[in-house]
Protein backbone atom coordinates (compact mmCIF):
# COMPACT_ATOMS: atom_id res chain seq x y z
CA MET A 1 0.00 0.00 0.00
CA ARG A 2 9.01 6.04 11.27
CA GLY A 3 11.33 6.19 8.23
CA ARG A 4 12.72 9.38 6.69
CA ARG A 5 10.44 9.69 3.40
CA ALA A 6 6.56 5.18 -0.72
CA GLY A 7 5.55 6.56 -2.36
CA ALA A 8 9.43 7.04 1.01
CA ARG A 9 12.99 8.22 0.19
CA ALA A 10 15.32 5.55 -1.11
CA GLY A 11 18.91 5.32 -0.08
CA ALA A 12 20.93 2.10 0.07
CA GLY A 13 18.64 -0.50 1.57
CA ALA A 14 15.61 1.78 1.69
CA ARG A 15 12.05 0.62 1.06
CA ILE A 16 10.26 1.96 -1.99
CA GLY A 17 8.02 4.54 -0.40
CA PHE A 18 9.77 4.67 3.01
CA ARG A 19 12.55 7.08 3.85
CA ALA A 20 15.98 5.57 4.48
CA VAL A 21 14.73 2.46 6.29
CA ARG A 22 17.05 -0.54 6.19
CA CYS A 23 15.39 -3.45 4.39
CA PRO A 24 16.65 -7.07 4.48
CA ARG A 25 14.68 -7.76 1.30
CA LEU A 26 16.90 -5.41 -0.70
CA ILE A 27 20.04 -6.93 0.85
CA ALA A 28 18.77 -10.35 -0.14
CA LEU A 29 17.98 -8.99 -3.60
CA ALA A 30 21.52 -7.68 -4.00
CA LEU A 31 22.95 -11.08 -3.02
CA SER A 32 20.58 -12.81 -5.42
CA LEU A 33 21.61 -10.53 -8.29
CA ALA A 34 25.26 -11.17 -7.51
CA ALA A 35 24.63 -14.92 -7.61
CA LEU A 36 22.88 -14.58 -10.95
CA ALA A 37 25.81 -12.61 -12.34
CA VAL A 38 28.22 -15.41 -11.34
CA ALA A 39 25.92 -17.99 -12.88
CA ALA A 40 25.78 -15.98 -16.11
CA CYS A 41 29.55 -16.21 -16.44
CA GLY A 42 29.26 -19.97 -16.65
CA ASP A 43 26.51 -19.93 -19.27
CA ASP A 44 26.68 -17.10 -21.83
CA ASP A 45 23.54 -18.40 -23.53
CA ASP A 46 21.36 -17.95 -20.48
CA GLY A 47 19.20 -14.91 -21.33
CA ALA A 48 16.72 -15.16 -18.49
CA ASP A 49 15.28 -11.84 -17.46
CA THR A 50 16.03 -11.05 -13.80
CA ALA A 51 13.60 -8.25 -13.04
CA ALA A 52 14.36 -6.54 -9.73
CA THR A 53 11.60 -6.20 -7.17
CA ALA A 54 11.64 -3.38 -4.65
CA THR A 55 9.90 -3.47 -1.32
CA THR A 56 7.75 -0.35 -0.71
CA PRO A 57 7.38 3.35 -1.85
CA ALA A 58 10.69 4.76 -0.10
CA ALA A 59 11.80 8.38 0.01
CA THR A 60 14.83 9.96 -1.68
CA SER A 61 17.96 11.16 0.10
CA THR A 62 17.38 14.79 -0.84
CA THR A 63 14.16 16.76 -0.54
CA PRO A 64 12.75 17.20 -4.07
CA ALA A 65 10.99 20.32 -5.22
CA ARG A 66 7.24 20.11 -4.79
CA THR A 67 4.74 20.78 -7.56
CA THR A 68 1.00 21.16 -7.45
CA ALA A 69 -1.15 18.05 -7.83
CA THR A 70 -3.52 18.14 -10.79
CA THR A 71 -6.62 16.28 -11.88
CA ASP A 72 -5.63 16.17 -15.56
CA GLN A 73 -6.24 12.97 -17.48
CA PRO A 74 -3.60 10.47 -16.36
CA ALA A 75 -1.78 7.86 -18.39
CA SER A 76 -3.81 4.87 -19.58
CA GLY A 77 -4.42 1.81 -17.42
CA GLY A 78 -5.28 1.06 -13.82
CA LYS A 79 -9.05 1.05 -14.40
CA ASP A 80 -9.80 -2.03 -12.26
CA GLU A 81 -12.64 -1.33 -9.85
CA ASP A 82 -12.50 -4.47 -7.68
CA VAL A 83 -10.42 -3.23 -4.75
CA SER A 84 -10.20 -6.73 -3.29
CA ARG A 85 -7.90 -7.72 -6.13
CA LYS A 86 -4.53 -6.52 -7.35
CA PRO A 87 -5.04 -4.05 -10.20
CA THR A 88 -3.41 -4.22 -13.61
CA VAL A 89 -1.35 -1.08 -14.25
CA GLU A 90 -0.31 -0.23 -17.80
CA LYS A 91 2.57 1.96 -18.90
CA GLY A 92 1.98 5.64 -19.60
CA SER A 93 1.19 7.09 -23.00
CA GLY A 94 2.70 10.23 -24.47
CA PRO A 95 5.31 12.43 -22.80
CA PRO A 96 5.59 11.96 -19.02
CA PRO A 97 3.75 14.68 -17.08
CA THR A 98 5.82 17.28 -15.26
CA LYS A 99 3.30 17.64 -12.42
CA LEU A 100 1.62 15.16 -10.13
CA VAL A 101 -1.49 13.68 -11.75
CA VAL A 102 -4.20 12.27 -9.47
CA GLU A 103 -7.21 10.24 -10.62
CA ASP A 104 -9.78 8.50 -8.43
CA LEU A 105 -10.67 5.14 -9.96
CA VAL A 106 -12.95 4.15 -7.05
CA GLU A 107 -14.26 6.90 -4.76
CA GLY A 108 -14.53 4.99 -1.48
CA THR A 109 -16.62 6.13 1.50
CA GLY A 110 -16.23 8.21 4.63
CA PRO A 111 -14.01 11.23 5.26
CA GLY A 112 -11.04 11.94 3.02
CA ALA A 113 -7.50 11.49 4.35
CA LYS A 114 -5.69 14.52 5.70
CA ALA A 115 -2.20 15.26 6.99
CA GLY A 116 -1.53 13.42 10.24
CA ASP A 117 -3.91 10.54 9.50
CA ARG A 118 -2.57 7.00 9.74
CA LEU A 119 -3.38 5.08 6.58
CA THR A 120 -3.08 1.46 5.53
CA MET A 121 -2.55 1.09 1.79
CA HIS A 122 -2.21 -1.57 -0.87
CA TYR A 123 -0.37 -0.46 -4.00
CA VAL A 124 1.26 -1.41 -7.29
CA GLY A 125 4.08 0.70 -8.75
CA VAL A 126 5.29 0.62 -12.36
CA ASP A 127 7.66 2.61 -14.54
CA TYR A 128 5.78 5.15 -16.69
CA ARG A 129 7.78 4.45 -19.88
CA THR A 130 8.05 0.66 -19.74
CA GLY A 131 5.14 -0.42 -17.56
CA LYS A 132 7.54 -2.68 -15.66
CA GLN A 133 6.45 -3.32 -12.08
CA PHE A 134 9.08 -2.40 -9.50
CA ASP A 135 7.04 -3.02 -6.35
CA ALA A 136 3.64 -4.19 -5.11
CA SER A 137 2.34 -4.73 -1.59
CA TRP A 138 -0.17 -7.19 -3.06
CA ASP A 139 2.69 -9.57 -3.90
CA ARG A 140 3.78 -9.62 -0.26
CA GLY A 141 0.24 -10.29 0.95
CA GLU A 142 0.09 -7.36 3.36
CA PRO A 143 -0.72 -3.65 3.04
CA PHE A 144 1.62 -0.80 3.87
CA GLY A 145 1.11 1.58 6.80
CA LEU A 146 2.09 5.25 6.91
CA GLN A 147 1.28 8.56 8.54
CA LEU A 148 0.20 11.01 5.87
CA GLY A 149 2.31 14.16 5.61
CA ALA A 150 4.98 12.91 8.02
CA GLY A 151 7.68 12.45 5.37
CA MET A 152 7.58 8.66 5.65
CA VAL A 153 6.96 8.40 1.91
CA ILE A 154 7.95 10.23 -1.25
CA PRO A 155 6.28 13.63 -1.74
CA GLY A 156 4.14 12.26 -4.57
CA TRP A 157 2.42 10.02 -2.03
CA ASP A 158 2.18 12.60 0.76
CA GLU A 159 0.52 15.01 -1.67
CA GLY A 160 -1.37 12.52 -3.83
CA LEU A 161 -3.08 10.62 -1.01
CA VAL A 162 -4.74 13.68 0.51
CA GLY A 163 -8.51 13.21 0.26
CA ILE A 164 -8.50 9.47 -0.47
CA ARG A 165 -11.36 7.65 1.30
CA LYS A 166 -11.53 4.21 2.86
CA GLY A 167 -12.17 1.65 0.15
CA GLY A 168 -10.99 4.13 -2.49
CA ARG A 169 -8.62 3.31 -5.34
CA ARG A 170 -6.49 6.11 -6.75
CA LYS A 171 -3.97 6.40 -9.55
CA LEU A 172 -0.92 8.61 -9.03
CA THR A 173 1.38 9.56 -11.90
CA ILE A 174 4.43 11.00 -10.18
CA PRO A 175 7.23 13.00 -11.87
CA PRO A 176 10.85 12.43 -10.75
CA ASP A 177 11.06 15.53 -8.55
CA LEU A 178 8.25 14.12 -6.37
CA ALA A 179 9.63 10.58 -6.48
CA TYR A 180 13.29 9.49 -6.48
CA GLY A 181 14.85 12.23 -8.58
CA ALA A 182 18.14 12.01 -10.46
CA GLN A 183 19.54 9.29 -8.19
CA GLY A 184 16.60 6.90 -8.60
CA ALA A 185 16.31 3.90 -6.26
CA PRO A 186 18.66 1.32 -7.80
CA PRO A 187 18.31 -1.31 -8.98
CA ALA A 188 14.52 -1.18 -9.16
CA ILE A 189 14.02 2.46 -10.19
CA GLY A 190 16.28 4.30 -12.63
CA PRO A 191 17.38 7.95 -12.59
CA ASN A 192 14.74 10.59 -13.36
CA ALA A 193 11.99 7.97 -13.59
CA THR A 194 8.34 8.97 -13.78
CA LEU A 195 6.29 6.46 -11.80
CA ILE A 196 2.70 5.25 -11.83
CA PHE A 197 1.14 3.93 -8.62
CA VAL A 198 -2.35 2.51 -8.22
CA VAL A 199 -3.10 2.72 -4.50
CA ASP A 200 -5.97 1.36 -2.41
CA ARG A 201 -6.87 2.72 1.00
CA VAL A 202 -7.58 -0.29 3.21
CA SER A 203 -8.10 1.76 6.39
């Protein structure tokens, strides 16, 4: 679906969405990738794709400039309305937006989230250009908790989740300056990457 900034800031070992929180999953990932690299040396014909999986929306090591969220038409995809199931999120179309784009796919019920609220979220994150998934709480079988506006997540989440209601599903298209910036969150997220998240407010 505290650290220093998931949509939190990502340093070495940070969670996608959390801010500089050490994560054993990323350490294990690094070891796994190293093992694959050694194996590749012994078999040059092995072309298996080893897609990296991050662990949660983590924040960047520097505070990015903030832009104003918009309600312009977002990139295509993420139209699933059954919030009990993991959504399908397609890659973006056209040039990446330079401002945060917010679209409610399912409205939800009750009061909208505000700064200071504790939220529990499910989410899927993909690269805008390729549509490649870099992280999903659904795959781990548990949602992600955060305090809105506390800097536990990237600015695109802190800004884009304002107003989301319980049971709501929202699509966030987040430019690099509200995500992981020029440094990215290697190996899962490259430099200056525009990201698409489809997020569900569980509670």
